[in-house]
Amino acid sequence: PACFNRALAGWFLPLVLRLNLTPNQWTFVGLVLGLGAAAAAAAGTVDADWAAAGLFQAFYLTDVWDGEVARARSLSSRWGGWFDVSVDLVVHLALMAGMTAGLVRAGAPSWVGGVGLVAALGVALDFLVTLRAKWRGFGPAIYGDPSHAVIARSRSAVLRWFRLQWTNENFSLIIAAVLVLRWKPAFLLAAAVGTHVFWVRYLWKGRGYSFAQA
């Protein structure tokens, strides 16, 4: 089974493959969509948050399409892989900044700015440890999300499907809910803690692995 975003991207893949766009061009389209989502979130209005949710969801679809196009046309490249990861970092950092700016513009308490900064720092550190793993030839960036292997061992097909929906490939759905339901302050607080837990846990779990593949 596939997570929701990957399945949704797959529905449109035949049309995407007919378009004369290279994988790196799809990645650039994703960059534009992601930055557009951040800019919309920074406006701080209800309508702009709805627009941000839609644009960020579209960014996640293009993030699937660039890889699918690369595999289908045998256009995979090391540079393209790094470009993809770098765009992911830029977009997620911009989104955190945009959400924080939108709250401040809407009259949120002063502490929101500090929490947003801590959350953005956590996002940057999360991507840095992932880039370190990619550079050394280990980890999700190379072999896929290890949680998928755990999910595959679930005995119930229904349980497997529900657990698969909580992987990072569906993160855009969480962002959509946060933006549409106006949960941005709570989200930034959670991100300020959760992102730092992630990179510390990632380094701790990876301390015993050999990176001889690099």
Protein backbone atom coordinates (compact mmCIF):
# COMPACT_ATOMS: atom_id res chain seq x y z
CA PRO A 1 0.00 0.00 0.00
CA ALA A 2 1.03 3.61 -0.55
CA CYS A 3 0.60 6.60 1.73
CA PHE A 4 -2.05 9.10 0.67
CA ASN A 5 0.26 11.62 -0.97
CA ARG A 6 2.16 9.01 -2.95
CA ALA A 7 -1.11 7.41 -4.09
CA LEU A 8 -2.53 10.83 -5.04
CA ALA A 9 0.60 11.71 -6.99
CA GLY A 10 0.36 8.35 -8.74
CA TRP A 11 -3.13 9.12 -10.03
CA PHE A 12 -1.77 12.08 -12.01
CA LEU A 13 1.57 10.50 -12.96
CA PRO A 14 0.51 9.41 -16.50
CA LEU A 15 -0.30 13.05 -17.30
CA VAL A 16 2.89 14.27 -15.64
CA LEU A 17 4.99 11.89 -17.75
CA ARG A 18 3.47 13.36 -20.91
CA LEU A 19 4.70 16.84 -20.03
CA ASN A 20 8.11 17.81 -21.34
CA LEU A 21 9.63 18.62 -17.96
CA THR A 22 12.84 17.14 -16.56
CA PRO A 23 13.08 15.94 -12.94
CA ASN A 24 15.07 19.05 -11.97
CA GLN A 25 12.46 21.27 -13.60
CA TRP A 26 9.78 19.55 -11.52
CA THR A 27 11.91 20.19 -8.44
CA PHE A 28 12.10 23.87 -9.39
CA VAL A 29 8.32 23.97 -9.85
CA GLY A 30 8.07 22.55 -6.34
CA LEU A 31 10.38 25.27 -5.05
CA VAL A 32 8.12 27.96 -6.52
CA LEU A 33 5.01 26.32 -5.05
CA GLY A 34 6.62 25.90 -1.65
CA LEU A 35 7.83 29.49 -1.48
CA GLY A 36 4.39 30.58 -2.61
CA ALA A 37 2.89 28.65 0.30
CA ALA A 38 5.27 30.37 2.72
CA ALA A 39 4.45 33.80 1.32
CA ALA A 40 0.72 33.11 1.62
CA ALA A 41 1.11 31.91 5.21
CA ALA A 42 2.97 35.14 6.01
CA ALA A 43 -0.09 37.20 5.04
CA GLY A 44 -1.84 36.07 8.24
CA THR A 45 -5.39 36.00 6.83
CA VAL A 46 -7.86 33.11 6.67
CA ASP A 47 -8.03 33.14 2.86
CA ALA A 48 -4.24 33.26 2.59
CA ASP A 49 -3.91 30.27 4.93
CA TRP A 50 -6.24 28.26 2.69
CA ALA A 51 -4.09 29.22 -0.29
CA ALA A 52 -0.94 28.26 1.63
CA ALA A 53 -2.41 24.85 2.45
CA GLY A 54 -3.18 24.19 -1.22
CA LEU A 55 0.20 25.36 -2.45
CA PHE A 56 2.09 23.32 0.14
CA GLN A 57 0.08 20.23 -0.81
CA ALA A 58 0.97 20.83 -4.47
CA PHE A 59 4.64 21.12 -3.44
CA TYR A 60 4.48 17.66 -1.85
CA LEU A 61 3.03 16.18 -5.04
CA THR A 62 5.82 17.64 -7.17
CA ASP A 63 8.28 16.23 -4.64
CA VAL A 64 7.01 12.78 -5.64
CA TRP A 65 6.82 13.52 -9.36
CA ASP A 66 10.44 14.62 -9.77
CA GLY A 67 11.65 11.24 -8.52
CA GLU A 68 9.09 9.28 -10.54
CA VAL A 69 10.00 11.14 -13.73
CA ALA A 70 13.70 10.56 -13.06
CA ARG A 71 13.16 6.82 -12.68
CA ALA A 72 10.78 6.52 -15.62
CA ARG A 73 13.15 8.34 -17.99
CA SER A 74 16.43 7.12 -16.48
CA LEU A 75 17.40 10.68 -15.64
CA SER A 76 18.45 10.18 -12.03
CA SER A 77 21.56 12.11 -11.04
CA ARG A 78 23.52 12.81 -7.90
CA TRP A 79 23.14 16.55 -8.45
CA GLY A 80 19.39 16.16 -8.85
CA GLY A 81 19.19 14.29 -5.56
CA TRP A 82 21.03 17.05 -3.74
CA PHE A 83 18.92 19.72 -5.45
CA ASP A 84 15.77 17.94 -4.29
CA VAL A 85 16.92 17.73 -0.66
CA SER A 86 18.09 21.36 -0.70
CA VAL A 87 14.71 22.54 -2.01
CA ASP A 88 12.97 20.55 0.74
CA LEU A 89 15.09 22.35 3.34
CA VAL A 90 14.48 25.81 1.87
CA VAL A 91 10.72 25.30 1.57
CA HIS A 92 10.24 23.90 5.07
CA LEU A 93 12.32 26.70 6.60
CA ALA A 94 10.40 29.29 4.59
CA LEU A 95 7.10 27.79 5.71
CA MET A 96 8.07 28.02 9.38
CA ALA A 97 9.12 31.62 8.86
CA GLY A 98 5.94 32.39 6.95
CA MET A 99 3.65 30.90 9.58
CA THR A 100 5.48 32.82 12.31
CA ALA A 101 5.33 36.07 10.37
CA GLY A 102 1.62 35.55 9.69
CA LEU A 103 0.89 35.12 13.37
CA VAL A 104 2.94 38.18 14.33
CA ARG A 105 1.19 40.22 11.64
CA ALA A 106 -2.18 39.08 12.97
CA GLY A 107 -1.29 40.34 16.46
CA ALA A 108 -0.02 37.17 18.14
CA PRO A 109 1.90 37.45 21.46
CA SER A 110 5.60 38.31 21.25
CA TRP A 111 6.69 34.83 22.36
CA VAL A 112 5.45 33.41 19.05
CA GLY A 113 8.43 34.91 17.22
CA GLY A 114 10.90 33.16 19.54
CA VAL A 115 9.07 29.85 19.30
CA GLY A 116 9.04 30.11 15.51
CA LEU A 117 12.79 30.75 15.51
CA VAL A 118 13.44 27.67 17.68
CA ALA A 119 11.20 25.58 15.42
CA ALA A 120 13.03 26.80 12.30
CA LEU A 121 16.37 25.95 13.91
CA GLY A 122 15.06 22.46 14.64
CA VAL A 123 13.97 22.02 11.02
CA ALA A 124 17.43 23.07 9.84
CA LEU A 125 19.15 20.61 12.19
CA ASP A 126 16.79 17.81 11.11
CA PHE A 127 17.76 18.35 7.50
CA LEU A 128 21.46 18.63 8.37
CA VAL A 129 21.53 15.21 10.03
CA THR A 130 19.62 13.80 7.05
CA LEU A 131 22.11 15.39 4.66
CA ARG A 132 24.96 13.94 6.73
CA ALA A 133 23.40 10.50 6.36
CA LYS A 134 22.91 11.01 2.63
CA TRP A 135 26.51 12.18 2.20
CA ARG A 136 27.79 9.06 3.97
CA GLY A 137 25.51 6.71 2.11
CA PHE A 138 23.15 5.75 4.90
CA GLY A 139 19.66 6.47 6.09
CA PRO A 140 16.23 7.39 4.70
CA ALA A 141 17.70 9.58 1.97
CA ILE A 142 19.43 6.50 0.51
CA TYR A 143 17.43 3.43 1.46
CA GLY A 144 13.96 4.83 2.12
CA ASP A 145 12.17 5.51 5.37
CA PRO A 146 13.07 2.62 7.77
CA SER A 147 9.63 2.94 9.35
CA HIS A 148 8.16 1.43 6.17
CA ALA A 149 9.87 -1.87 6.95
CA VAL A 150 8.33 -1.88 10.41
CA ILE A 151 4.92 -1.04 9.01
CA ALA A 152 5.18 -3.88 6.48
CA ARG A 153 5.41 -6.38 9.35
CA SER A 154 2.01 -5.38 10.73
CA ARG A 155 -0.33 -8.37 10.48
CA SER A 156 -3.47 -6.41 9.72
CA ALA A 157 -3.75 -4.77 6.29
CA VAL A 158 -5.95 -2.06 7.78
CA LEU A 159 -3.39 -1.38 10.51
CA ARG A 160 -0.62 -1.24 7.92
CA TRP A 161 -2.57 1.36 5.94
CA PHE A 162 -3.29 3.56 8.96
CA ARG A 163 0.30 3.39 10.19
CA LEU A 164 1.59 4.25 6.71
CA GLN A 165 -0.42 7.48 6.69
CA TRP A 166 1.69 8.83 9.57
CA THR A 167 4.99 8.75 7.69
CA ASN A 168 6.73 12.02 6.79
CA GLU A 169 5.47 11.78 3.19
CA ASN A 170 2.06 12.92 4.45
CA PHE A 171 3.38 15.90 6.42
CA SER A 172 1.61 18.29 4.04
CA LEU A 173 -1.73 17.00 5.31
CA ILE A 174 -0.79 18.00 8.85
CA ILE A 175 0.21 21.45 7.61
CA ALA A 176 -3.10 21.75 5.75
CA ALA A 177 -5.02 20.99 8.95
CA VAL A 178 -2.89 23.44 10.94
CA LEU A 179 -3.47 26.25 8.45
CA VAL A 180 -7.16 25.66 7.79
CA LEU A 181 -8.09 25.06 11.43
CA ARG A 182 -5.91 27.95 12.68
CA TRP A 183 -3.72 25.78 14.87
CA LYS A 184 -0.50 27.61 14.04
CA PRO A 185 0.53 28.62 17.59
CA ALA A 186 0.09 25.06 18.90
CA PHE A 187 1.91 23.68 15.87
CA LEU A 188 4.90 25.97 16.30
CA LEU A 189 5.14 25.00 19.97
CA ALA A 190 5.06 21.31 19.03
CA ALA A 191 7.61 21.87 16.25
CA ALA A 192 9.91 23.77 18.59
CA VAL A 193 10.15 20.61 20.69
CA GLY A 194 9.59 17.81 18.19
CA THR A 195 12.13 18.89 15.60
CA HIS A 196 14.92 18.91 18.19
CA VAL A 197 13.84 15.53 19.54
CA PHE A 198 14.08 14.18 15.99
CA TRP A 199 17.67 15.19 15.26
CA VAL A 200 18.91 14.13 18.70
CA ARG A 201 17.16 10.76 18.37
CA TYR A 202 18.42 10.36 14.80
CA LEU A 203 22.04 10.88 15.83
CA TRP A 204 21.63 8.65 18.87
CA LYS A 205 20.14 5.78 16.88
CA GLY A 206 22.76 6.12 14.13
CA ARG A 207 25.77 6.21 16.45
CA GLY A 208 26.47 2.48 16.07
CA TYR A 209 26.15 2.26 12.29
CA SER A 210 29.09 1.93 9.99
CA PHE A 211 29.27 4.52 7.22
CA ALA A 212 31.77 2.54 5.19
CA GLN A 213 29.49 2.74 2.15
CA ALA A 214 30.38 6.38 1.60
